[in-house]
């Protein structure tokens, strides 16, 4: 009977050990599943952040392009207006004419080596 009792105690101990291993395995599987869910959630959150950042960047780039086009257009228009004014030979006003005459006199003197 002692042998039967010892065998029963050993069998109970083995069954308890197996139950602990199975419980640990179940807990490990649950932990792995939870970690996978966390990783999936983090990846989706990261993708959402990237999408939002991309959208904001595209909006900012579009605004810069619009502003650049507007400013460049204004500069081109101003240059075109100046080109038209120059092309149509608008007469020089008094101060402009005097400045031109002085510059021409200086150039002529320099070219002719006139140091008078």
PDB file of N, CA and C in Angstrom:
ATOM      1  N   UNK A   1       0.809  -1.178   0.000  1.00  0.00           N
ATOM      2  CA  UNK A   1       0.000   0.000   0.000  1.00  0.00           C
ATOM      3  C   UNK A   1       0.860   1.253   0.000  1.00  0.00           C
ATOM      4  N   UNK A   2       2.006   1.215   0.661  1.00  0.00           N
ATOM      5  CA  UNK A   2       2.896   2.354   0.690  1.00  0.00           C
ATOM      6  C   UNK A   2       3.381   2.678  -0.707  1.00  0.00           C
ATOM      7  N   UNK A   3       3.584   1.585  -1.463  1.00  0.00           N
ATOM      8  CA  UNK A   3       4.007   1.810  -2.836  1.00  0.00           C
ATOM      9  C   UNK A   3       2.905   2.457  -3.628  1.00  0.00           C
ATOM     10  N   UNK A   4       1.741   2.088  -3.437  1.00  0.00           N
ATOM     11  CA  UNK A   4       0.596   2.659  -4.140  1.00  0.00           C
ATOM     12  C   UNK A   4       0.456   4.124  -3.735  1.00  0.00           C
ATOM     13  N   UNK A   5       0.639   4.371  -2.453  1.00  0.00           N
ATOM     14  CA  UNK A   5       0.560   5.748  -1.953  1.00  0.00           C
ATOM     15  C   UNK A   5       1.672   6.592  -2.552  1.00  0.00           C
ATOM     16  N   UNK A   6       2.914   6.066  -2.613  1.00  0.00           N
ATOM     17  CA  UNK A   6       4.043   6.798  -3.197  1.00  0.00           C
ATOM     18  C   UNK A   6       3.822   7.026  -4.686  1.00  0.00           C
ATOM     19  N   UNK A   7       3.320   5.999  -5.359  1.00  0.00           N
ATOM     20  CA  UNK A   7       3.060   6.115  -6.792  1.00  0.00           C
ATOM     21  C   UNK A   7       2.003   7.171  -7.033  1.00  0.00           C
ATOM     22  N   UNK A   8       0.992   7.181  -6.171  1.00  0.00           N
ATOM     23  CA  UNK A   8      -0.083   8.171  -6.306  1.00  0.00           C
ATOM     24  C   UNK A   8       0.462   9.576  -6.061  1.00  0.00           C
ATOM     25  N   UNK A   9       1.313   9.758  -5.083  1.00  0.00           N
ATOM     26  CA  UNK A   9       1.907  11.054  -4.776  1.00  0.00           C
ATOM     27  C   UNK A   9       2.785  11.511  -5.933  1.00  0.00           C
ATOM     28  N   UNK A  10       3.561  10.559  -6.491  1.00  0.00           N
ATOM     29  CA  UNK A  10       4.402  10.888  -7.644  1.00  0.00           C
ATOM     30  C   UNK A  10       3.545  11.283  -8.843  1.00  0.00           C
ATOM     31  N   UNK A  11       2.469  10.545  -9.071  1.00  0.00           N
ATOM     32  CA  UNK A  11       1.580  10.845 -10.197  1.00  0.00           C
ATOM     33  C   UNK A  11       0.928  12.210  -9.999  1.00  0.00           C
ATOM     34  N   UNK A  12       0.541  12.502  -8.764  1.00  0.00           N
ATOM     35  CA  UNK A  12      -0.057  13.816  -8.471  1.00  0.00           C
ATOM     36  C   UNK A  12       0.962  14.934  -8.718  1.00  0.00           C
ATOM     37  N   UNK A  13       2.200  14.687  -8.318  1.00  0.00           N
ATOM     38  CA  UNK A  13       3.259  15.685  -8.508  1.00  0.00           C
ATOM     39  C   UNK A  13       3.517  15.897  -9.995  1.00  0.00           C
ATOM     40  N   UNK A  14       3.536  14.824 -10.757  1.00  0.00           N
ATOM     41  CA  UNK A  14       3.741  14.925 -12.211  1.00  0.00           C
ATOM     42  C   UNK A  14       2.578  15.686 -12.835  1.00  0.00           C
ATOM     43  N   UNK A  15       1.365  15.346 -12.456  1.00  0.00           N
ATOM     44  CA  UNK A  15       0.188  16.037 -13.006  1.00  0.00           C
ATOM     45  C   UNK A  15       0.211  17.520 -12.640  1.00  0.00           C
ATOM     46  N   UNK A  16       0.634  17.844 -11.431  1.00  0.00           N
ATOM     47  CA  UNK A  16       0.714  19.242 -11.013  1.00  0.00           C
ATOM     48  C   UNK A  16       1.784  19.977 -11.830  1.00  0.00           C
ATOM     49  N   UNK A  17       2.900  19.303 -12.075  1.00  0.00           N
ATOM     50  CA  UNK A  17       3.969  19.909 -12.877  1.00  0.00           C
ATOM     51  C   UNK A  17       3.485  20.141 -14.308  1.00  0.00           C
ATOM     52  N   UNK A  18       2.789  19.154 -14.862  1.00  0.00           N
ATOM     53  CA  UNK A  18       2.253  19.285 -16.223  1.00  0.00           C
ATOM     54  C   UNK A  18       1.246  20.433 -16.271  1.00  0.00           C
ATOM     55  N   UNK A  19       0.416  20.538 -15.262  1.00  0.00           N
ATOM     56  CA  UNK A  19      -0.575  21.616 -15.211  1.00  0.00           C
ATOM     57  C   UNK A  19       0.117  22.971 -15.152  1.00  0.00           C
ATOM     58  N   UNK A  20       1.196  23.076 -14.382  1.00  0.00           N
ATOM     59  CA  UNK A  20       1.941  24.339 -14.311  1.00  0.00           C
ATOM     60  C   UNK A  20       2.565  24.679 -15.661  1.00  0.00           C
ATOM     61  N   UNK A  21       3.123  23.673 -16.332  1.00  0.00           N
ATOM     62  CA  UNK A  21       3.723  23.907 -17.653  1.00  0.00           C
ATOM     63  C   UNK A  21       2.653  24.365 -18.636  1.00  0.00           C
ATOM     64  N   UNK A  22       1.505  23.689 -18.609  1.00  0.00           N
ATOM     65  CA  UNK A  22       0.415  24.069 -19.521  1.00  0.00           C
ATOM     66  C   UNK A  22      -0.097  25.484 -19.215  1.00  0.00           C
ATOM     67  N   UNK A  23      -0.188  25.808 -17.934  1.00  0.00           N
ATOM     68  CA  UNK A  23      -0.627  27.151 -17.552  1.00  0.00           C
ATOM     69  C   UNK A  23       0.400  28.195 -18.006  1.00  0.00           C
ATOM     70  N   UNK A  24       1.682  27.880 -17.847  1.00  0.00           N
ATOM     71  CA  UNK A  24       2.739  28.803 -18.274  1.00  0.00           C
ATOM     72  C   UNK A  24       2.701  28.967 -19.795  1.00  0.00           C
ATOM     73  N   UNK A  25       2.464  27.872 -20.508  1.00  0.00           N
ATOM     74  CA  UNK A  25       2.374  27.940 -21.972  1.00  0.00           C
ATOM     75  C   UNK A  25       1.191  28.809 -22.392  1.00  0.00           C
ATOM     76  N   UNK A  26       0.066  28.636 -21.731  1.00  0.00           N
ATOM     77  CA  UNK A  26      -1.126  29.439 -22.028  1.00  0.00           C
ATOM     78  C   UNK A  26      -0.850  30.917 -21.761  1.00  0.00           C
ATOM     79  N   UNK A  27      -0.197  31.201 -20.644  1.00  0.00           N
ATOM     80  CA  UNK A  27       0.144  32.585 -20.312  1.00  0.00           C
ATOM     81  C   UNK A  27       1.126  33.157 -21.336  1.00  0.00           C
ATOM     82  N   UNK A  28       2.084  32.376 -21.765  1.00  0.00           N
ATOM     83  CA  UNK A  28       3.065  32.826 -22.758  1.00  0.00           C
ATOM     84  C   UNK A  28       2.383  33.112 -24.086  1.00  0.00           C
ATOM     85  N   UNK A  29       1.475  32.249 -24.513  1.00  0.00           N
ATOM     86  CA  UNK A  29       0.735  32.480 -25.760  1.00  0.00           C
ATOM     87  C   UNK A  29      -0.087  33.769 -25.664  1.00  0.00           C
ATOM     88  N   UNK A  30      -0.704  33.985 -24.515  1.00  0.00           N
ATOM     89  CA  UNK A  30      -1.497  35.203 -24.321  1.00  0.00           C
ATOM     90  C   UNK A  30      -0.585  36.439 -24.369  1.00  0.00           C
ATOM     91  N   UNK A  31       0.582  36.334 -23.759  1.00  0.00           N
ATOM     92  CA  UNK A  31       1.529  37.451 -23.771  1.00  0.00           C
ATOM     93  C   UNK A  31       2.022  37.733 -25.192  1.00  0.00           C
ATOM     94  N   UNK A  32       2.281  36.688 -25.950  1.00  0.00           N
ATOM     95  CA  UNK A  32       2.714  36.867 -27.338  1.00  0.00           C
ATOM     96  C   UNK A  32       1.596  37.521 -28.147  1.00  0.00           C
ATOM     97  N   UNK A  33       0.374  37.060 -27.972  1.00  0.00           N
ATOM     98  CA  UNK A  33      -0.763  37.645 -28.692  1.00  0.00           C
ATOM     99  C   UNK A  33      -0.942  39.116 -28.322  1.00  0.00           C
ATOM    100  N   UNK A  34      -0.808  39.428 -27.052  1.00  0.00           N
ATOM    101  CA  UNK A  34      -0.932  40.820 -26.613  1.00  0.00           C
ATOM    102  C   UNK A  34       0.185  41.671 -27.203  1.00  0.00           C
ATOM    103  N   UNK A  35       1.399  41.140 -27.233  1.00  0.00           N
ATOM    104  CA  UNK A  35       2.528  41.877 -27.813  1.00  0.00           C
ATOM    105  C   UNK A  35       2.308  42.109 -29.304  1.00  0.00           C
ATOM    106  N   UNK A  36       1.759  41.113 -29.991  1.00  0.00           N
ATOM    107  CA  UNK A  36       1.464  41.276 -31.416  1.00  0.00           C
ATOM    108  C   UNK A  36       0.400  42.352 -31.621  1.00  0.00           C
ATOM    109  N   UNK A  37      -0.606  42.354 -30.775  1.00  0.00           N
ATOM    110  CA  UNK A  37      -1.653  43.375 -30.882  1.00  0.00           C
ATOM    111  C   UNK A  37      -1.081  44.765 -30.608  1.00  0.00           C
ATOM    112  N   UNK A  38      -0.212  44.875 -29.614  1.00  0.00           N
ATOM    113  CA  UNK A  38       0.429  46.154 -29.306  1.00  0.00           C
ATOM    114  C   UNK A  38       1.283  46.628 -30.483  1.00  0.00           C
ATOM    115  N   UNK A  39       2.038  45.704 -31.061  1.00  0.00           N
ATOM    116  CA  UNK A  39       2.890  46.063 -32.196  1.00  0.00           C
ATOM    117  C   UNK A  39       2.038  46.504 -33.384  1.00  0.00           C
ATOM    118  N   UNK A  40       0.945  45.824 -33.625  1.00  0.00           N
ATOM    119  CA  UNK A  40       0.049  46.206 -34.719  1.00  0.00           C
ATOM    120  C   UNK A  40      -0.546  47.588 -34.466  1.00  0.00           C
ATOM    121  N   UNK A  41      -0.961  47.844 -33.232  1.00  0.00           N
ATOM    122  CA  UNK A  41      -1.525  49.153 -32.891  1.00  0.00           C
ATOM    123  C   UNK A  41      -0.483  50.250 -33.029  1.00  0.00           C
ATOM    124  N   UNK A  42       0.733  49.989 -32.579  1.00  0.00           N
ATOM    125  CA  UNK A  42       1.803  50.983 -32.705  1.00  0.00           C
ATOM    126  C   UNK A  42       2.131  51.244 -34.174  1.00  0.00           C
ATOM    127  N   UNK A  43       2.172  50.202 -34.971  1.00  0.00           N
ATOM    128  CA  UNK A  43       2.459  50.373 -36.400  1.00  0.00           C
ATOM    129  C   UNK A  43       1.366  51.206 -37.067  1.00  0.00           C
ATOM    130  N   UNK A  44       0.115  50.953 -36.732  1.00  0.00           N
ATOM    131  CA  UNK A  44      -0.983  51.724 -37.317  1.00  0.00           C
ATOM    132  C   UNK A  44      -0.930  53.177 -36.844  1.00  0.00           C
ATOM    133  N   UNK A  45      -0.608  53.393 -35.587  1.00  0.00           N
ATOM    134  CA  UNK A  45      -0.481  54.761 -35.077  1.00  0.00           C
ATOM    135  C   UNK A  45       0.647  55.492 -35.801  1.00  0.00           C
ATOM    136  N   UNK A  46       1.742  54.808 -36.030  1.00  0.00           N
ATOM    137  CA  UNK A  46       2.859  55.395 -36.763  1.00  0.00           C
ATOM    138  C   UNK A  46       2.452  55.731 -38.187  1.00  0.00           C
ATOM    139  N   UNK A  47       1.737  54.809 -38.840  1.00  0.00           N
ATOM    140  CA  UNK A  47       1.261  55.083 -40.203  1.00  0.00           C
ATOM    141  C   UNK A  47       0.321  56.288 -40.222  1.00  0.00           C
ATOM    142  N   UNK A  48      -0.544  56.399 -39.233  1.00  0.00           N
ATOM    143  CA  UNK A  48      -1.463  57.543 -39.159  1.00  0.00           C
ATOM    144  C   UNK A  48      -0.680  58.848 -38.970  1.00  0.00           C
ATOM    145  N   UNK A  49       0.343  58.808 -38.135  1.00  0.00           N
ATOM    146  CA  UNK A  49       1.179  59.992 -37.926  1.00  0.00           C
ATOM    147  C   UNK A  49       1.880  60.376 -39.226  1.00  0.00           C
ATOM    148  N   UNK A  50       2.391  59.404 -39.928  1.00  0.00           N
ATOM    149  CA  UNK A  50       3.071  59.660 -41.199  1.00  0.00           C
ATOM    150  C   UNK A  50       2.097  60.247 -42.214  1.00  0.00           C
ATOM    151  N   UNK A  51       0.874  59.695 -42.280  1.00  0.00           N
ATOM    152  CA  UNK A  51      -0.124  60.233 -43.220  1.00  0.00           C
ATOM    153  C   UNK A  51      -0.441  61.688 -42.881  1.00  0.00           C
ATOM    154  N   UNK A  52      -0.606  61.996 -41.609  1.00  0.00           N
ATOM    155  CA  UNK A  52      -0.916  63.372 -41.201  1.00  0.00           C
ATOM    156  C   UNK A  52       0.253  64.298 -41.527  1.00  0.00           C
ATOM    157  N   UNK A  53       1.465  63.856 -41.251  1.00  0.00           N
ATOM    158  CA  UNK A  53       2.647  64.658 -41.550  1.00  0.00           C
ATOM    159  C   UNK A  53       2.779  64.883 -43.056  1.00  0.00           C
ATOM    160  N   UNK A  54       2.532  63.858 -43.824  1.00  0.00           N
ATOM    161  CA  UNK A  54       2.590  63.982 -45.284  1.00  0.00           C
ATOM    162  C   UNK A  54       1.562  64.982 -45.774  1.00  0.00           C
ATOM    163  N   UNK A  55       0.360  64.908 -45.237  1.00  0.00           N
ATOM    164  CA  UNK A  55      -0.701  65.842 -45.637  1.00  0.00           C
ATOM    165  C   UNK A  55      -0.314  67.287 -45.296  1.00  0.00           C
ATOM    166  N   UNK A  56       0.173  67.506 -44.072  1.00  0.00           N
ATOM    167  CA  UNK A  56       0.584  68.862 -43.672  1.00  0.00           C
ATOM    168  C   UNK A  56       1.724  69.366 -44.557  1.00  0.00           C
ATOM    169  N   UNK A  57       2.669  68.487 -44.865  1.00  0.00           N
ATOM    170  CA  UNK A  57       3.802  68.870 -45.710  1.00  0.00           C
ATOM    171  C   UNK A  57       3.327  69.244 -47.109  1.00  0.00           C
ATOM    172  N   UNK A  58       2.403  68.471 -47.660  1.00  0.00           N
ATOM    173  CA  UNK A  58       1.875  68.773 -48.986  1.00  0.00           C
ATOM    174  C   UNK A  58       1.148  70.112 -48.997  1.00  0.00           C
ATOM    175  N   UNK A  59       0.391  70.392 -47.955  1.00  0.00           N
ATOM    176  CA  UNK A  59      -0.318  71.680 -47.865  1.00  0.00           C
ATOM    177  C   UNK A  59       0.691  72.825 -47.795  1.00  0.00           C
ATOM    178  N   UNK A  60       1.726  72.654 -46.980  1.00  0.00           N
ATOM    179  CA  UNK A  60       2.743  73.713 -46.846  1.00  0.00           C
ATOM    180  C   UNK A  60       3.489  73.928 -48.164  1.00  0.00           C
ATOM    181  N   UNK A  61       3.846  72.845 -48.824  1.00  0.00           N
ATOM    182  CA  UNK A  61       4.551  72.964 -50.108  1.00  0.00           C
ATOM    183  C   UNK A  61       3.661  73.670 -51.126  1.00  0.00           C
ATOM    184  N   UNK A  62       2.388  73.314 -51.158  1.00  0.00           N
ATOM    185  CA  UNK A  62       1.460  73.971 -52.085  1.00  0.00           C
ATOM    186  C   UNK A  62       1.376  75.463 -51.792  1.00  0.00           C
ATOM    187  N   UNK A  63       1.338  75.837 -50.524  1.00  0.00           N
ATOM    188  CA  UNK A  63       1.278  77.258 -50.151  1.00  0.00           C
ATOM    189  C   UNK A  63       2.550  77.981 -50.584  1.00  0.00           C
ATOM    190  N   UNK A  64       3.703  77.343 -50.409  1.00  0.00           N
ATOM    191  CA  UNK A  64       4.967  77.951 -50.833  1.00  0.00           C
ATOM    192  C   UNK A  64       4.975  78.132 -52.347  1.00  0.00           C
ATOM    193  N   UNK A  65       4.497  77.133 -53.066  1.00  0.00           N
ATOM    194  CA  UNK A  65       4.455  77.238 -54.533  1.00  0.00           C
ATOM    195  C   UNK A  65       3.544  78.379 -54.985  1.00  0.00           C
ATOM    196  N   UNK A  66       2.392  78.499 -54.344  1.00  0.00           N
ATOM    197  CA  UNK A  66       1.461  79.577 -54.700  1.00  0.00           C
ATOM    198  C   UNK A  66       2.103  80.934 -54.417  1.00  0.00           C
ATOM    199  N   UNK A  67       2.706  81.083 -53.235  1.00  0.00           N
ATOM    200  CA  UNK A  67       3.349  82.346 -52.879  1.00  0.00           C
ATOM    201  C   UNK A  67       4.499  82.651 -53.837  1.00  0.00           C
ATOM    202  N   UNK A  68       5.306  81.638 -54.164  1.00  0.00           N
ATOM    203  CA  UNK A  68       6.426  81.828 -55.088  1.00  0.00           C
ATOM    204  C   UNK A  68       5.907  82.265 -56.458  1.00  0.00           C
ATOM    205  N   UNK A  69       4.862  81.600 -56.949  1.00  0.00           N
ATOM    206  CA  UNK A  69       4.296  81.956 -58.254  1.00  0.00           C
ATOM    207  C   UNK A  69       3.758  83.383 -58.236  1.00  0.00           C
ATOM    208  N   UNK A  70       3.085  83.754 -57.163  1.00  0.00           N
ATOM    209  CA  UNK A  70       2.529  85.103 -57.051  1.00  0.00           C
ATOM    210  C   UNK A  70       3.651  86.150 -57.029  1.00  0.00           C
ATOM    211  N   UNK A  71       4.671  85.928 -56.189  1.00  0.00           N
ATOM    212  CA  UNK A  71       5.768  86.893 -56.073  1.00  0.00           C
ATOM    213  C   UNK A  71       6.586  86.953 -57.364  1.00  0.00           C
ATOM    214  N   UNK A  72       6.849  85.802 -57.942  1.00  0.00           N
ATOM    215  CA  UNK A  72       7.600  85.762 -59.192  1.00  0.00           C
ATOM    216  C   UNK A  72       6.811  86.435 -60.307  1.00  0.00           C
ATOM    217  N   UNK A  73       5.513  86.182 -60.329  1.00  0.00           N
ATOM    218  CA  UNK A  73       4.659  86.821 -61.335  1.00  0.00           C
ATOM    219  C   UNK A  73       4.685  88.330 -61.207  1.00  0.00           C
ATOM    220  N   UNK A  74       4.648  88.819 -59.984  1.00  0.00           N
ATOM    221  CA  UNK A  74       4.694  90.266 -59.760  1.00  0.00           C
ATOM    222  C   UNK A  74       6.029  90.836 -60.227  1.00  0.00           C
ATOM    223  N   UNK A  75       7.112  90.131 -59.947  1.00  0.00           N
ATOM    224  CA  UNK A  75       8.424  90.600 -60.382  1.00  0.00           C
ATOM    225  C   UNK A  75       8.540  90.588 -61.908  1.00  0.00           C
ATOM    226  N   UNK A  76       8.035  89.546 -62.534  1.00  0.00           N
ATOM    227  CA  UNK A  76       8.066  89.461 -63.995  1.00  0.00           C
ATOM    228  C   UNK A  76       7.226  90.580 -64.597  1.00  0.00           C
ATOM    229  N   UNK A  77       6.057  90.837 -64.014  1.00  0.00           N
ATOM    230  CA  UNK A  77       5.206  91.927 -64.508  1.00  0.00           C
ATOM    231  C   UNK A  77       5.927  93.274 -64.395  1.00  0.00           C
ATOM    232  N   UNK A  78       6.616  93.496 -63.272  1.00  0.00           N
ATOM    233  CA  UNK A  78       7.346  94.748 -63.090  1.00  0.00           C
ATOM    234  C   UNK A  78       8.467  94.868 -64.109  1.00  0.00           C
ATOM    235  N   UNK A  79       9.180  93.772 -64.357  1.00  0.00           N
ATOM    236  CA  UNK A  79      10.248  93.797 -65.361  1.00  0.00           C
ATOM    237  C   UNK A  79       9.692  94.030 -66.762  1.00  0.00           C
ATOM    238  N   UNK A  80       8.569  93.418 -67.064  1.00  0.00           N
ATOM    239  CA  UNK A  80       7.943  93.614 -68.378  1.00  0.00           C
ATOM    240  C   UNK A  80       7.512  95.063 -68.551  1.00  0.00           C
ATOM    241  N   UNK A  81       6.971  95.663 -67.521  1.00  0.00           N
ATOM    242  CA  UNK A  81       6.558  97.068 -67.591  1.00  0.00           C
ATOM    243  C   UNK A  81       7.780  97.959 -67.796  1.00  0.00           C
ATOM    244  N   UNK A  82       8.861  97.659 -67.102  1.00  0.00           N
ATOM    245  CA  UNK A  82      10.095  98.436 -67.266  1.00  0.00           C
ATOM    246  C   UNK A  82      10.642  98.255 -68.677  1.00  0.00           C
ATOM    247  N   UNK A  83      10.588  97.045 -69.192  1.00  0.00           N
ATOM    248  CA  UNK A  83      11.063  96.787 -70.555  1.00  0.00           C
ATOM    249  C   UNK A  83      10.234  97.569 -71.569  1.00  0.00           C
ATOM    250  N   UNK A  84       8.928  97.618 -71.365  1.00  0.00           N
ATOM    251  CA  UNK A  84       8.074  98.403 -72.269  1.00  0.00           C
ATOM    252  C   UNK A  84       8.415  99.883 -72.194  1.00  0.00           C
ATOM    253  N   UNK A  85       8.644 100.386 -70.986  1.00  0.00           N
ATOM    254  CA  UNK A  85       8.981 101.800 -70.827  1.00  0.00           C
ATOM    255  C   UNK A  85      10.288 102.108 -71.541  1.00  0.00           C
ATOM    256  N   UNK A  86      11.264 101.249 -71.383  1.00  0.00           N
ATOM    257  CA  UNK A  86      12.556 101.456 -72.028  1.00  0.00           C
ATOM    258  C   UNK A  86      12.439 101.287 -73.534  1.00  0.00           C
ATOM    259  N   UNK A  87      11.688 100.284 -73.977  1.00  0.00           N
ATOM    260  CA  UNK A  87      11.556 100.006 -75.411  1.00  0.00           C
ATOM    261  C   UNK A  87      10.861 101.143 -76.144  1.00  0.00           C
ATOM    262  N   UNK A  88       9.967 101.798 -75.514  1.00  0.00           N
ATOM    263  CA  UNK A  88       9.239 102.882 -76.176  1.00  0.00           C
ATOM    264  C   UNK A  88       9.989 104.208 -76.093  1.00  0.00           C
ATOM    265  N   UNK A  89      11.198 104.186 -75.603  1.00  0.00           N
ATOM    266  CA  UNK A  89      12.060 105.349 -75.606  1.00  0.00           C
ATOM    267  C   UNK A  89      11.466 106.539 -74.883  1.00  0.00           C
ATOM    268  N   UNK A  90      10.992 106.299 -73.696  1.00  0.00           N
ATOM    269  CA  UNK A  90      10.458 107.412 -72.916  1.00  0.00           C
ATOM    270  C   UNK A  90      11.562 108.445 -72.732  1.00  0.00           C
ATOM    271  N   UNK A  91      11.262 109.711 -72.998  1.00  0.00           N
ATOM    272  CA  UNK A  91      12.299 110.730 -72.895  1.00  0.00           C
ATOM    273  C   UNK A  91      12.801 110.864 -71.458  1.00  0.00           C
ATOM    274  N   UNK A  92      14.067 111.156 -71.346  1.00  0.00           N
ATOM    275  CA  UNK A  92      14.655 111.315 -70.024  1.00  0.00           C
ATOM    276  C   UNK A  92      14.216 112.651 -69.435  1.00  0.00           C
ATOM    277  N   UNK A  93      13.975 112.628 -68.148  1.00  0.00           N
ATOM    278  CA  UNK A  93      13.606 113.864 -67.445  1.00  0.00           C
ATOM    279  C   UNK A  93      14.867 114.657 -67.158  1.00  0.00           C
ATOM    280  N   UNK A  94      14.732 115.846 -66.604  1.00  0.00           N
ATOM    281  CA  UNK A  94      15.855 116.740 -66.369  1.00  0.00           C
ATOM    282  C   UNK A  94      16.985 116.124 -65.586  1.00  0.00           C
ATOM    283  N   UNK A  95      16.699 115.539 -64.434  1.00  0.00           N
ATOM    284  CA  UNK A  95      17.751 114.970 -63.585  1.00  0.00           C
ATOM    285  C   UNK A  95      18.391 113.770 -64.256  1.00  0.00           C
ATOM    286  N   UNK A  96      17.571 112.937 -64.907  1.00  0.00           N
ATOM    287  CA  UNK A  96      18.112 111.762 -65.599  1.00  0.00           C
ATOM    288  C   UNK A  96      19.019 112.197 -66.741  1.00  0.00           C
ATOM    289  N   UNK A  97      18.586 113.238 -67.484  1.00  0.00           N
ATOM    290  CA  UNK A  97      19.351 113.735 -68.619  1.00  0.00           C
ATOM    291  C   UNK A  97      20.688 114.314 -68.150  1.00  0.00           C
ATOM    292  N   UNK A  98      20.672 115.049 -67.064  1.00  0.00           N
ATOM    293  CA  UNK A  98      21.907 115.631 -66.527  1.00  0.00           C
ATOM    294  C   UNK A  98      22.859 114.535 -66.077  1.00  0.00           C
ATOM    295  N   UNK A  99      22.346 113.517 -65.423  1.00  0.00           N
ATOM    296  CA  UNK A  99      23.183 112.401 -64.981  1.00  0.00           C
ATOM    297  C   UNK A  99      23.802 111.696 -66.175  1.00  0.00           C
ATOM    298  N   UNK A 100      23.008 111.496 -67.245  1.00  0.00           N
ATOM    299  CA  UNK A 100      23.514 110.838 -68.445  1.00  0.00           C
ATOM    300  C   UNK A 100      24.587 111.698 -69.111  1.00  0.00           C
ATOM    301  N   UNK A 101      24.364 112.989 -69.216  1.00  0.00           N
ATOM    302  CA  UNK A 101      25.350 113.872 -69.841  1.00  0.00           C
ATOM    303  C   UNK A 101      26.666 113.881 -69.060  1.00  0.00           C
ATOM    304  N   UNK A 102      26.584 113.884 -67.744  1.00  0.00           N
ATOM    305  CA  UNK A 102      27.787 113.849 -66.906  1.00  0.00           C
ATOM    306  C   UNK A 102      28.535 112.536 -67.109  1.00  0.00           C
ATOM    307  N   UNK A 103      27.796 111.440 -67.114  1.00  0.00           N
ATOM    308  CA  UNK A 103      28.419 110.131 -67.306  1.00  0.00           C
ATOM    309  C   UNK A 103      29.063 110.043 -68.684  1.00  0.00           C
ATOM    310  N   UNK A 104      28.419 110.580 -69.716  1.00  0.00           N
ATOM    311  CA  UNK A 104      28.981 110.546 -71.064  1.00  0.00           C
ATOM    312  C   UNK A 104      30.233 111.409 -71.154  1.00  0.00           C
ATOM    313  N   UNK A 105      30.217 112.551 -70.502  1.00  0.00           N
ATOM    314  CA  UNK A 105      31.391 113.417 -70.508  1.00  0.00           C
ATOM    315  C   UNK A 105      32.565 112.740 -69.824  1.00  0.00           C
ATOM    316  N   UNK A 106      32.295 112.074 -68.723  1.00  0.00           N
ATOM    317  CA  UNK A 106      33.356 111.352 -68.012  1.00  0.00           C
ATOM    318  C   UNK A 106      33.899 110.221 -68.867  1.00  0.00           C
ATOM    319  N   UNK A 107      33.022 109.496 -69.537  1.00  0.00           N
ATOM    320  CA  UNK A 107      33.448 108.399 -70.396  1.00  0.00           C
ATOM    321  C   UNK A 107      34.273 108.934 -71.565  1.00  0.00           C
ATOM    322  N   UNK A 108      33.817 110.007 -72.174  1.00  0.00           N
ATOM    323  CA  UNK A 108      34.555 110.578 -73.303  1.00  0.00           C
ATOM    324  C   UNK A 108      35.937 111.035 -72.856  1.00  0.00           C
ATOM    325  N   UNK A 109      36.007 111.636 -71.694  1.00  0.00           N
ATOM    326  CA  UNK A 109      37.291 112.091 -71.185  1.00  0.00           C
ATOM    327  C   UNK A 109      38.217 110.920 -70.932  1.00  0.00           C
ATOM    328  N   UNK A 110      37.681 109.868 -70.406  1.00  0.00           N
ATOM    329  CA  UNK A 110      38.495 108.686 -70.113  1.00  0.00           C
ATOM    330  C   UNK A 110      38.970 108.027 -71.399  1.00  0.00           C
ATOM    331  N   UNK A 111      38.118 107.960 -72.384  1.00  0.00           N
ATOM    332  CA  UNK A 111      38.463 107.325 -73.644  1.00  0.00           C
ATOM    333  C   UNK A 111      39.493 108.150 -74.440  1.00  0.00           C
ATOM    334  N   UNK A 112      39.413 109.434 -74.302  1.00  0.00           N
ATOM    335  CA  UNK A 112      40.333 110.298 -75.057  1.00  0.00           C
ATOM    336  C   UNK A 112      41.531 110.710 -74.237  1.00  0.00           C
ATOM    337  N   UNK A 113      41.606 110.214 -73.033  1.00  0.00           N
ATOM    338  CA  UNK A 113      42.687 110.513 -72.102  1.00  0.00           C
ATOM    339  C   UNK A 113      42.792 112.022 -71.889  1.00  0.00           C
ATOM    340  N   UNK A 114      41.656 112.653 -71.817  1.00  0.00           N
ATOM    341  CA  UNK A 114      41.588 114.096 -71.604  1.00  0.00           C
ATOM    342  C   UNK A 114      41.589 114.337 -70.100  1.00  0.00           C
ATOM    343  N   UNK A 115      42.663 114.829 -69.575  1.00  0.00           N
ATOM    344  CA  UNK A 115      42.794 115.038 -68.134  1.00  0.00           C
ATOM    345  C   UNK A 115      42.555 116.485 -67.753  1.00  0.00           C
ATOM    346  N   UNK A 116      41.957 117.238 -68.615  1.00  0.00           N
ATOM    347  CA  UNK A 116      41.741 118.652 -68.350  1.00  0.00           C
ATOM    348  C   UNK A 116      40.714 118.856 -67.309  1.00  0.00           C
TER     349      UNK A 116
END
